Amino acid sequence: IKAYPNPDYREKVMENWDDAAAAA
């Protein structure tokens, strides 16, 4: 919440993290 106060951007970041973790 602190790092990504915009909910839409936060959700996008989390989706990208899931993709990066899956690729790793």
mmCIF file of all heavy atoms, coordinates in Angstrom:
data_MODEL
# 
_entry.id   MODEL 
# 
loop_
_atom_site.group_PDB 
_atom_site.id 
_atom_site.type_symbol 
_atom_site.label_atom_id 
_atom_site.label_alt_id 
_atom_site.label_comp_id 
_atom_site.label_asym_id 
_atom_site.label_entity_id 
_atom_site.label_seq_id 
_atom_site.pdbx_PDB_ins_code 
_atom_site.Cartn_x 
_atom_site.Cartn_y 
_atom_site.Cartn_z 
_atom_site.occupancy 
_atom_site.B_iso_or_equiv 
_atom_site.pdbx_formal_charge 
_atom_site.auth_seq_id 
_atom_site.auth_comp_id 
_atom_site.auth_asym_id 
_atom_site.auth_atom_id 
_atom_site.pdbx_PDB_model_num 
ATOM 1   N N   . ILE A 1 1  ? 0.828  -1.206  0.000   1.00 0.00 ? 1  ILE A N   1 
ATOM 2   C CA  . ILE A 1 1  ? 0.000  0.000   0.000   1.00 0.00 ? 1  ILE A CA  1 
ATOM 3   C C   . ILE A 1 1  ? 0.862  1.256   0.000   1.00 0.00 ? 1  ILE A C   1 
ATOM 4   O O   . ILE A 1 1  ? 0.557  2.244   -0.682  1.00 0.00 ? 1  ILE A O   1 
ATOM 5   C CB  . ILE A 1 1  ? -0.950 -0.004  1.218   1.00 0.00 ? 1  ILE A CB  1 
ATOM 6   C CG1 . ILE A 1 1  ? -1.981 -1.136  1.061   1.00 0.00 ? 1  ILE A CG1 1 
ATOM 7   C CG2 . ILE A 1 1  ? -1.647 1.334   1.371   1.00 0.00 ? 1  ILE A CG2 1 
ATOM 8   C CD1 . ILE A 1 1  ? -2.874 -1.324  2.285   1.00 0.00 ? 1  ILE A CD1 1 
ATOM 9   N N   . LYS A 1 2  ? 1.950  1.234   0.762   1.00 0.00 ? 2  LYS A N   1 
ATOM 10  C CA  . LYS A 1 2  ? 2.859  2.384   0.802   1.00 0.00 ? 2  LYS A CA  1 
ATOM 11  C C   . LYS A 1 2  ? 3.567  2.564   -0.542  1.00 0.00 ? 2  LYS A C   1 
ATOM 12  O O   . LYS A 1 2  ? 3.646  3.673   -1.080  1.00 0.00 ? 2  LYS A O   1 
ATOM 13  C CB  . LYS A 1 2  ? 3.905  2.200   1.904   1.00 0.00 ? 2  LYS A CB  1 
ATOM 14  C CG  . LYS A 1 2  ? 3.376  2.284   3.324   1.00 0.00 ? 2  LYS A CG  1 
ATOM 15  C CD  . LYS A 1 2  ? 3.148  3.727   3.729   1.00 0.00 ? 2  LYS A CD  1 
ATOM 16  C CE  . LYS A 1 2  ? 2.834  3.812   5.220   1.00 0.00 ? 2  LYS A CE  1 
ATOM 17  N NZ  . LYS A 1 2  ? 2.557  5.201   5.632   1.00 0.00 ? 2  LYS A NZ  1 
ATOM 18  N N   . ALA A 1 3  ? 4.095  1.464   -1.070  1.00 0.00 ? 3  ALA A N   1 
ATOM 19  C CA  . ALA A 1 3  ? 4.888  1.530   -2.297  1.00 0.00 ? 3  ALA A CA  1 
ATOM 20  C C   . ALA A 1 3  ? 4.031  1.805   -3.530  1.00 0.00 ? 3  ALA A C   1 
ATOM 21  O O   . ALA A 1 3  ? 4.452  2.504   -4.454  1.00 0.00 ? 3  ALA A O   1 
ATOM 22  C CB  . ALA A 1 3  ? 5.666  0.227   -2.486  1.00 0.00 ? 3  ALA A CB  1 
ATOM 23  N N   . TYR A 1 4  ? 2.806  1.270   -3.529  1.00 0.00 ? 4  TYR A N   1 
ATOM 24  C CA  . TYR A 1 4  ? 1.929  1.403   -4.695  1.00 0.00 ? 4  TYR A CA  1 
ATOM 25  C C   . TYR A 1 4  ? 0.549  1.881   -4.232  1.00 0.00 ? 4  TYR A C   1 
ATOM 26  O O   . TYR A 1 4  ? -0.402 1.095   -4.150  1.00 0.00 ? 4  TYR A O   1 
ATOM 27  C CB  . TYR A 1 4  ? 1.812  0.057   -5.419  1.00 0.00 ? 4  TYR A CB  1 
ATOM 28  C CG  . TYR A 1 4  ? 3.149  -0.587  -5.711  1.00 0.00 ? 4  TYR A CG  1 
ATOM 29  C CD1 . TYR A 1 4  ? 3.549  -1.738  -5.018  1.00 0.00 ? 4  TYR A CD1 1 
ATOM 30  C CD2 . TYR A 1 4  ? 4.024  -0.050  -6.641  1.00 0.00 ? 4  TYR A CD2 1 
ATOM 31  C CE1 . TYR A 1 4  ? 4.774  -2.329  -5.271  1.00 0.00 ? 4  TYR A CE1 1 
ATOM 32  C CE2 . TYR A 1 4  ? 5.255  -0.633  -6.897  1.00 0.00 ? 4  TYR A CE2 1 
ATOM 33  C CZ  . TYR A 1 4  ? 5.627  -1.770  -6.202  1.00 0.00 ? 4  TYR A CZ  1 
ATOM 34  O OH  . TYR A 1 4  ? 6.846  -2.353  -6.453  1.00 0.00 ? 4  TYR A OH  1 
ATOM 35  N N   . PRO A 1 5  ? 0.418  3.157   -3.915  1.00 0.00 ? 5  PRO A N   1 
ATOM 36  C CA  . PRO A 1 5  ? -0.848 3.670   -3.371  1.00 0.00 ? 5  PRO A CA  1 
ATOM 37  C C   . PRO A 1 5  ? -2.015 3.601   -4.348  1.00 0.00 ? 5  PRO A C   1 
ATOM 38  O O   . PRO A 1 5  ? -3.166 3.543   -3.925  1.00 0.00 ? 5  PRO A O   1 
ATOM 39  C CB  . PRO A 1 5  ? -0.510 5.122   -2.990  1.00 0.00 ? 5  PRO A CB  1 
ATOM 40  C CG  . PRO A 1 5  ? 0.695  5.471   -3.798  1.00 0.00 ? 5  PRO A CG  1 
ATOM 41  C CD  . PRO A 1 5  ? 1.465  4.204   -3.960  1.00 0.00 ? 5  PRO A CD  1 
ATOM 42  N N   . ASN A 1 6  ? -1.706 3.613   -5.654  1.00 0.00 ? 6  ASN A N   1 
ATOM 43  C CA  . ASN A 1 6  ? -2.776 3.494   -6.645  1.00 0.00 ? 6  ASN A CA  1 
ATOM 44  C C   . ASN A 1 6  ? -3.201 2.033   -6.757  1.00 0.00 ? 6  ASN A C   1 
ATOM 45  O O   . ASN A 1 6  ? -2.396 1.180   -7.150  1.00 0.00 ? 6  ASN A O   1 
ATOM 46  C CB  . ASN A 1 6  ? -2.300 4.018   -8.006  1.00 0.00 ? 6  ASN A CB  1 
ATOM 47  C CG  . ASN A 1 6  ? -3.400 3.993   -9.046  1.00 0.00 ? 6  ASN A CG  1 
ATOM 48  O OD1 . ASN A 1 6  ? -3.838 2.932   -9.478  1.00 0.00 ? 6  ASN A OD1 1 
ATOM 49  N ND2 . ASN A 1 6  ? -3.822 5.161   -9.490  1.00 0.00 ? 6  ASN A ND2 1 
ATOM 50  N N   . PRO A 1 7  ? -4.459 1.707   -6.428  1.00 0.00 ? 7  PRO A N   1 
ATOM 51  C CA  . PRO A 1 7  ? -4.904 0.305   -6.418  1.00 0.00 ? 7  PRO A CA  1 
ATOM 52  C C   . PRO A 1 7  ? -4.746 -0.400  -7.763  1.00 0.00 ? 7  PRO A C   1 
ATOM 53  O O   . PRO A 1 7  ? -4.359 -1.571  -7.814  1.00 0.00 ? 7  PRO A O   1 
ATOM 54  C CB  . PRO A 1 7  ? -6.381 0.408   -6.020  1.00 0.00 ? 7  PRO A CB  1 
ATOM 55  C CG  . PRO A 1 7  ? -6.504 1.709   -5.313  1.00 0.00 ? 7  PRO A CG  1 
ATOM 56  C CD  . PRO A 1 7  ? -5.525 2.619   -5.972  1.00 0.00 ? 7  PRO A CD  1 
ATOM 57  N N   . ASP A 1 8  ? -5.022 0.318   -8.856  1.00 0.00 ? 8  ASP A N   1 
ATOM 58  C CA  . ASP A 1 8  ? -4.918 -0.299  -10.179 1.00 0.00 ? 8  ASP A CA  1 
ATOM 59  C C   . ASP A 1 8  ? -3.463 -0.636  -10.512 1.00 0.00 ? 8  ASP A C   1 
ATOM 60  O O   . ASP A 1 8  ? -3.171 -1.716  -11.033 1.00 0.00 ? 8  ASP A O   1 
ATOM 61  C CB  . ASP A 1 8  ? -5.489 0.647   -11.250 1.00 0.00 ? 8  ASP A CB  1 
ATOM 62  C CG  . ASP A 1 8  ? -6.998 0.843   -11.105 1.00 0.00 ? 8  ASP A CG  1 
ATOM 63  O OD1 . ASP A 1 8  ? -7.646 -0.069  -10.575 1.00 0.00 ? 8  ASP A OD1 1 
ATOM 64  O OD2 . ASP A 1 8  ? -7.501 1.902   -11.522 1.00 0.00 ? 8  ASP A OD2 1 
ATOM 65  N N   . TYR A 1 9  ? -2.570 0.317   -10.205 1.00 0.00 ? 9  TYR A N   1 
ATOM 66  C CA  . TYR A 1 9  ? -1.157 0.059   -10.479 1.00 0.00 ? 9  TYR A CA  1 
ATOM 67  C C   . TYR A 1 9  ? -0.621 -1.041  -9.569  1.00 0.00 ? 9  TYR A C   1 
ATOM 68  O O   . TYR A 1 9  ? 0.179  -1.881  -9.990  1.00 0.00 ? 9  TYR A O   1 
ATOM 69  C CB  . TYR A 1 9  ? -0.337 1.343   -10.291 1.00 0.00 ? 9  TYR A CB  1 
ATOM 70  C CG  . TYR A 1 9  ? 1.121  1.188   -10.684 1.00 0.00 ? 9  TYR A CG  1 
ATOM 71  C CD1 . TYR A 1 9  ? 1.483  0.893   -11.996 1.00 0.00 ? 9  TYR A CD1 1 
ATOM 72  C CD2 . TYR A 1 9  ? 2.136  1.328   -9.737  1.00 0.00 ? 9  TYR A CD2 1 
ATOM 73  C CE1 . TYR A 1 9  ? 2.813  0.750   -12.354 1.00 0.00 ? 9  TYR A CE1 1 
ATOM 74  C CE2 . TYR A 1 9  ? 3.464  1.179   -10.087 1.00 0.00 ? 9  TYR A CE2 1 
ATOM 75  C CZ  . TYR A 1 9  ? 3.801  0.899   -11.404 1.00 0.00 ? 9  TYR A CZ  1 
ATOM 76  O OH  . TYR A 1 9  ? 5.116  0.734   -11.765 1.00 0.00 ? 9  TYR A OH  1 
ATOM 77  N N   . ARG A 1 10 ? -1.084 -1.042  -8.310  1.00 0.00 ? 10 ARG A N   1 
ATOM 78  C CA  . ARG A 1 10 ? -0.658 -2.085  -7.364  1.00 0.00 ? 10 ARG A CA  1 
ATOM 79  C C   . ARG A 1 10 ? -1.054 -3.465  -7.886  1.00 0.00 ? 10 ARG A C   1 
ATOM 80  O O   . ARG A 1 10 ? -0.263 -4.409  -7.862  1.00 0.00 ? 10 ARG A O   1 
ATOM 81  C CB  . ARG A 1 10 ? -1.305 -1.834  -6.008  1.00 0.00 ? 10 ARG A CB  1 
ATOM 82  C CG  . ARG A 1 10 ? -0.773 -2.744  -4.885  1.00 0.00 ? 10 ARG A CG  1 
ATOM 83  C CD  . ARG A 1 10 ? -1.633 -2.599  -3.630  1.00 0.00 ? 10 ARG A CD  1 
ATOM 84  N NE  . ARG A 1 10 ? -1.880 -1.197  -3.346  1.00 0.00 ? 10 ARG A NE  1 
ATOM 85  C CZ  . ARG A 1 10 ? -3.020 -0.723  -2.854  1.00 0.00 ? 10 ARG A CZ  1 
ATOM 86  N NH1 . ARG A 1 10 ? -4.018 -1.558  -2.577  1.00 0.00 ? 10 ARG A NH1 1 
ATOM 87  N NH2 . ARG A 1 10 ? -3.176 0.563   -2.613  1.00 0.00 ? 10 ARG A NH2 1 
ATOM 88  N N   . GLU A 1 11 ? -2.277 -3.580  -8.398  1.00 0.00 ? 11 GLU A N   1 
ATOM 89  C CA  . GLU A 1 11 ? -2.747 -4.863  -8.918  1.00 0.00 ? 11 GLU A CA  1 
ATOM 90  C C   . GLU A 1 11 ? -1.918 -5.297  -10.135 1.00 0.00 ? 11 GLU A C   1 
ATOM 91  O O   . GLU A 1 11 ? -1.565 -6.472  -10.275 1.00 0.00 ? 11 GLU A O   1 
ATOM 92  C CB  . GLU A 1 11 ? -4.223 -4.748  -9.303  1.00 0.00 ? 11 GLU A CB  1 
ATOM 93  C CG  . GLU A 1 11 ? -4.840 -6.053  -9.797  1.00 0.00 ? 11 GLU A CG  1 
ATOM 94  C CD  . GLU A 1 11 ? -6.314 -5.904  -10.121 1.00 0.00 ? 11 GLU A CD  1 
ATOM 95  O OE1 . GLU A 1 11 ? -6.900 -4.845  -9.802  1.00 0.00 ? 11 GLU A OE1 1 
ATOM 96  O OE2 . GLU A 1 11 ? -6.880 -6.841  -10.700 1.00 0.00 ? 11 GLU A OE2 1 
ATOM 97  N N   . LYS A 1 12 ? -1.583 -4.318  -10.965 1.00 0.00 ? 12 LYS A N   1 
ATOM 98  C CA  . LYS A 1 12 ? -0.772 -4.618  -12.140 1.00 0.00 ? 12 LYS A CA  1 
ATOM 99  C C   . LYS A 1 12 ? 0.616  -5.106  -11.737 1.00 0.00 ? 12 LYS A C   1 
ATOM 100 O O   . LYS A 1 12 ? 1.155  -6.063  -12.315 1.00 0.00 ? 12 LYS A O   1 
ATOM 101 C CB  . LYS A 1 12 ? -0.654 -3.365  -13.024 1.00 0.00 ? 12 LYS A CB  1 
ATOM 102 C CG  . LYS A 1 12 ? 0.144  -3.576  -14.287 1.00 0.00 ? 12 LYS A CG  1 
ATOM 103 C CD  . LYS A 1 12 ? 0.220  -2.293  -15.095 1.00 0.00 ? 12 LYS A CD  1 
ATOM 104 C CE  . LYS A 1 12 ? 1.068  -2.485  -16.345 1.00 0.00 ? 12 LYS A CE  1 
ATOM 105 N NZ  . LYS A 1 12 ? 1.181  -1.216  -17.128 1.00 0.00 ? 12 LYS A NZ  1 
ATOM 106 N N   . VAL A 1 13 ? 1.211  -4.433  -10.735 1.00 0.00 ? 13 VAL A N   1 
ATOM 107 C CA  . VAL A 1 13 ? 2.532  -4.840  -10.247 1.00 0.00 ? 13 VAL A CA  1 
ATOM 108 C C   . VAL A 1 13 ? 2.491  -6.262  -9.703  1.00 0.00 ? 13 VAL A C   1 
ATOM 109 O O   . VAL A 1 13 ? 3.387  -7.075  -9.971  1.00 0.00 ? 13 VAL A O   1 
ATOM 110 C CB  . VAL A 1 13 ? 3.046  -3.853  -9.169  1.00 0.00 ? 13 VAL A CB  1 
ATOM 111 C CG1 . VAL A 1 13 ? 4.294  -4.410  -8.480  1.00 0.00 ? 13 VAL A CG1 1 
ATOM 112 C CG2 . VAL A 1 13 ? 3.363  -2.499  -9.789  1.00 0.00 ? 13 VAL A CG2 1 
ATOM 113 N N   . MET A 1 14 ? 1.458  -6.575  -8.939  1.00 0.00 ? 14 MET A N   1 
ATOM 114 C CA  . MET A 1 14 ? 1.339  -7.909  -8.363  1.00 0.00 ? 14 MET A CA  1 
ATOM 115 C C   . MET A 1 14 ? 1.184  -8.973  -9.450  1.00 0.00 ? 14 MET A C   1 
ATOM 116 O O   . MET A 1 14 ? 1.754  -10.070 -9.356  1.00 0.00 ? 14 MET A O   1 
ATOM 117 C CB  . MET A 1 14 ? 0.152  -7.962  -7.398  1.00 0.00 ? 14 MET A CB  1 
ATOM 118 C CG  . MET A 1 14 ? 0.325  -7.092  -6.156  1.00 0.00 ? 14 MET A CG  1 
ATOM 119 S SD  . MET A 1 14 ? 1.895  -7.394  -5.301  1.00 0.00 ? 14 MET A SD  1 
ATOM 120 C CE  . MET A 1 14 ? 1.734  -9.120  -4.874  1.00 0.00 ? 14 MET A CE  1 
ATOM 121 N N   . GLU A 1 15 ? 0.431  -8.645  -10.485 1.00 0.00 ? 15 GLU A N   1 
ATOM 122 C CA  . GLU A 1 15 ? 0.294  -9.583  -11.607 1.00 0.00 ? 15 GLU A CA  1 
ATOM 123 C C   . GLU A 1 15 ? 1.646  -9.804  -12.287 1.00 0.00 ? 15 GLU A C   1 
ATOM 124 O O   . GLU A 1 15 ? 2.000  -10.940 -12.640 1.00 0.00 ? 15 GLU A O   1 
ATOM 125 C CB  . GLU A 1 15 ? -0.719 -9.045  -12.607 1.00 0.00 ? 15 GLU A CB  1 
ATOM 126 C CG  . GLU A 1 15 ? -2.163 -9.072  -12.119 1.00 0.00 ? 15 GLU A CG  1 
ATOM 127 C CD  . GLU A 1 15 ? -3.109 -8.428  -13.110 1.00 0.00 ? 15 GLU A CD  1 
ATOM 128 O OE1 . GLU A 1 15 ? -2.623 -7.924  -14.151 1.00 0.00 ? 15 GLU A OE1 1 
ATOM 129 O OE2 . GLU A 1 15 ? -4.331 -8.416  -12.845 1.00 0.00 ? 15 GLU A OE2 1 
ATOM 130 N N   . ASN A 1 16 ? 2.397  -8.725  -12.463 1.00 0.00 ? 16 ASN A N   1 
ATOM 131 C CA  . ASN A 1 16 ? 3.715  -8.833  -13.089 1.00 0.00 ? 16 ASN A CA  1 
ATOM 132 C C   . ASN A 1 16 ? 4.678  -9.644  -12.217 1.00 0.00 ? 16 ASN A C   1 
ATOM 133 O O   . ASN A 1 16 ? 5.511  -10.405 -12.725 1.00 0.00 ? 16 ASN A O   1 
ATOM 134 C CB  . ASN A 1 16 ? 4.294  -7.444  -13.359 1.00 0.00 ? 16 ASN A CB  1 
ATOM 135 C CG  . ASN A 1 16 ? 3.536  -6.702  -14.455 1.00 0.00 ? 16 ASN A CG  1 
ATOM 136 O OD1 . ASN A 1 16 ? 2.834  -7.322  -15.266 1.00 0.00 ? 16 ASN A OD1 1 
ATOM 137 N ND2 . ASN A 1 16 ? 3.670  -5.389  -14.492 1.00 0.00 ? 16 ASN A ND2 1 
ATOM 138 N N   . TRP A 1 17 ? 4.540  -9.478  -10.874 1.00 0.00 ? 17 TRP A N   1 
ATOM 139 C CA  . TRP A 1 17 ? 5.381  -10.254 -9.958  1.00 0.00 ? 17 TRP A CA  1 
ATOM 140 C C   . TRP A 1 17 ? 5.051  -11.744 -10.061 1.00 0.00 ? 17 TRP A C   1 
ATOM 141 O O   . TRP A 1 17 ? 5.942  -12.595 -10.056 1.00 0.00 ? 17 TRP A O   1 
ATOM 142 C CB  . TRP A 1 17 ? 5.193  -9.787  -8.519  1.00 0.00 ? 17 TRP A CB  1 
ATOM 143 C CG  . TRP A 1 17 ? 6.243  -8.827  -8.037  1.00 0.00 ? 17 TRP A CG  1 
ATOM 144 C CD1 . TRP A 1 17 ? 6.039  -7.596  -7.523  1.00 0.00 ? 17 TRP A CD1 1 
ATOM 145 C CD2 . TRP A 1 17 ? 7.651  -9.024  -8.032  1.00 0.00 ? 17 TRP A CD2 1 
ATOM 146 N NE1 . TRP A 1 17 ? 7.240  -6.999  -7.200  1.00 0.00 ? 17 TRP A NE1 1 
ATOM 147 C CE2 . TRP A 1 17 ? 8.251  -7.863  -7.511  1.00 0.00 ? 17 TRP A CE2 1 
ATOM 148 C CE3 . TRP A 1 17 ? 8.485  -10.070 -8.442  1.00 0.00 ? 17 TRP A CE3 1 
ATOM 149 C CZ2 . TRP A 1 17 ? 9.617  -7.712  -7.362  1.00 0.00 ? 17 TRP A CZ2 1 
ATOM 150 C CZ3 . TRP A 1 17 ? 9.861  -9.925  -8.304  1.00 0.00 ? 17 TRP A CZ3 1 
ATOM 151 C CH2 . TRP A 1 17 ? 10.412 -8.759  -7.769  1.00 0.00 ? 17 TRP A CH2 1 
ATOM 152 N N   . ASP A 1 18 ? 3.775  -12.063 -10.161 1.00 0.00 ? 18 ASP A N   1 
ATOM 153 C CA  . ASP A 1 18 ? 3.370  -13.467 -10.307 1.00 0.00 ? 18 ASP A CA  1 
ATOM 154 C C   . ASP A 1 18 ? 3.942  -14.063 -11.582 1.00 0.00 ? 18 ASP A C   1 
ATOM 155 O O   . ASP A 1 18 ? 4.429  -15.200 -11.595 1.00 0.00 ? 18 ASP A O   1 
ATOM 156 C CB  . ASP A 1 18 ? 1.837  -13.577 -10.325 1.00 0.00 ? 18 ASP A CB  1 
ATOM 157 C CG  . ASP A 1 18 ? 1.218  -13.273 -8.960  1.00 0.00 ? 18 ASP A CG  1 
ATOM 158 O OD1 . ASP A 1 18 ? 1.951  -13.342 -7.956  1.00 0.00 ? 18 ASP A OD1 1 
ATOM 159 O OD2 . ASP A 1 18 ? 0.011  -12.951 -8.913  1.00 0.00 ? 18 ASP A OD2 1 
ATOM 160 N N   . ASP A 1 19 ? 3.919  -13.277 -12.671 1.00 0.00 ? 19 ASP A N   1 
ATOM 161 C CA  . ASP A 1 19 ? 4.474  -13.752 -13.944 1.00 0.00 ? 19 ASP A CA  1 
ATOM 162 C C   . ASP A 1 19 ? 5.985  -13.954 -13.841 1.00 0.00 ? 19 ASP A C   1 
ATOM 163 O O   . ASP A 1 19 ? 6.533  -14.943 -14.348 1.00 0.00 ? 19 ASP A O   1 
ATOM 164 C CB  . ASP A 1 19 ? 4.161  -12.748 -15.062 1.00 0.00 ? 19 ASP A CB  1 
ATOM 165 C CG  . ASP A 1 19 ? 2.674  -12.684 -15.388 1.00 0.00 ? 19 ASP A CG  1 
ATOM 166 O OD1 . ASP A 1 19 ? 1.959  -13.639 -15.034 1.00 0.00 ? 19 ASP A OD1 1 
ATOM 167 O OD2 . ASP A 1 19 ? 2.243  -11.677 -15.980 1.00 0.00 ? 19 ASP A OD2 1 
ATOM 168 N N   . ALA A 1 20 ? 6.668  -12.992 -13.160 1.00 0.00 ? 20 ALA A N   1 
ATOM 169 C CA  . ALA A 1 20 ? 8.118  -13.086 -13.013 1.00 0.00 ? 20 ALA A CA  1 
ATOM 170 C C   . ALA A 1 20 ? 8.501  -14.283 -12.153 1.00 0.00 ? 20 ALA A C   1 
ATOM 171 O O   . ALA A 1 20 ? 9.468  -14.998 -12.443 1.00 0.00 ? 20 ALA A O   1 
ATOM 172 C CB  . ALA A 1 20 ? 8.665  -11.792 -12.396 1.00 0.00 ? 20 ALA A CB  1 
ATOM 173 N N   . ALA A 1 21 ? 7.720  -14.522 -11.088 1.00 0.00 ? 21 ALA A N   1 
ATOM 174 C CA  . ALA A 1 21 ? 7.990  -15.660 -10.210 1.00 0.00 ? 21 ALA A CA  1 
ATOM 175 C C   . ALA A 1 21 ? 7.765  -16.978 -10.942 1.00 0.00 ? 21 ALA A C   1 
ATOM 176 O O   . ALA A 1 21 ? 8.528  -17.939 -10.772 1.00 0.00 ? 21 ALA A O   1 
ATOM 177 C CB  . ALA A 1 21 ? 7.098  -15.572 -8.969  1.00 0.00 ? 21 ALA A CB  1 
ATOM 178 N N   . ALA A 1 22 ? 6.715  -17.024 -11.759 1.00 0.00 ? 22 ALA A N   1 
ATOM 179 C CA  . ALA A 1 22 ? 6.429  -18.244 -12.531 1.00 0.00 ? 22 ALA A CA  1 
ATOM 180 C C   . ALA A 1 22 ? 7.542  -18.520 -13.524 1.00 0.00 ? 22 ALA A C   1 
ATOM 181 O O   . ALA A 1 22 ? 7.978  -19.672 -13.699 1.00 0.00 ? 22 ALA A O   1 
ATOM 182 C CB  . ALA A 1 22 ? 5.091  -18.088 -13.250 1.00 0.00 ? 22 ALA A CB  1 
ATOM 183 N N   . ALA A 1 23 ? 8.025  -17.475 -14.178 1.00 0.00 ? 23 ALA A N   1 
ATOM 184 C CA  . ALA A 1 23 ? 9.112  -17.634 -15.143 1.00 0.00 ? 23 ALA A CA  1 
ATOM 185 C C   . ALA A 1 23 ? 10.385 -18.104 -14.445 1.00 0.00 ? 23 ALA A C   1 
ATOM 186 O O   . ALA A 1 23 ? 11.128 -18.954 -14.968 1.00 0.00 ? 23 ALA A O   1 
ATOM 187 C CB  . ALA A 1 23 ? 9.360  -16.313 -15.878 1.00 0.00 ? 23 ALA A CB  1 
ATOM 188 N N   . ALA A 1 24 ? 10.648 -17.557 -13.248 1.00 0.00 ? 24 ALA A N   1 
ATOM 189 C CA  . ALA A 1 24 ? 11.832 -17.965 -12.483 1.00 0.00 ? 24 ALA A CA  1 
ATOM 190 C C   . ALA A 1 24 ? 11.719 -19.426 -12.069 1.00 0.00 ? 24 ALA A C   1 
ATOM 191 O O   . ALA A 1 24 ? 12.714 -20.171 -12.077 1.00 0.00 ? 24 ALA A O   1 
ATOM 192 C CB  . ALA A 1 24 ? 12.001 -17.068 -11.268 1.00 0.00 ? 24 ALA A CB  1 
# 
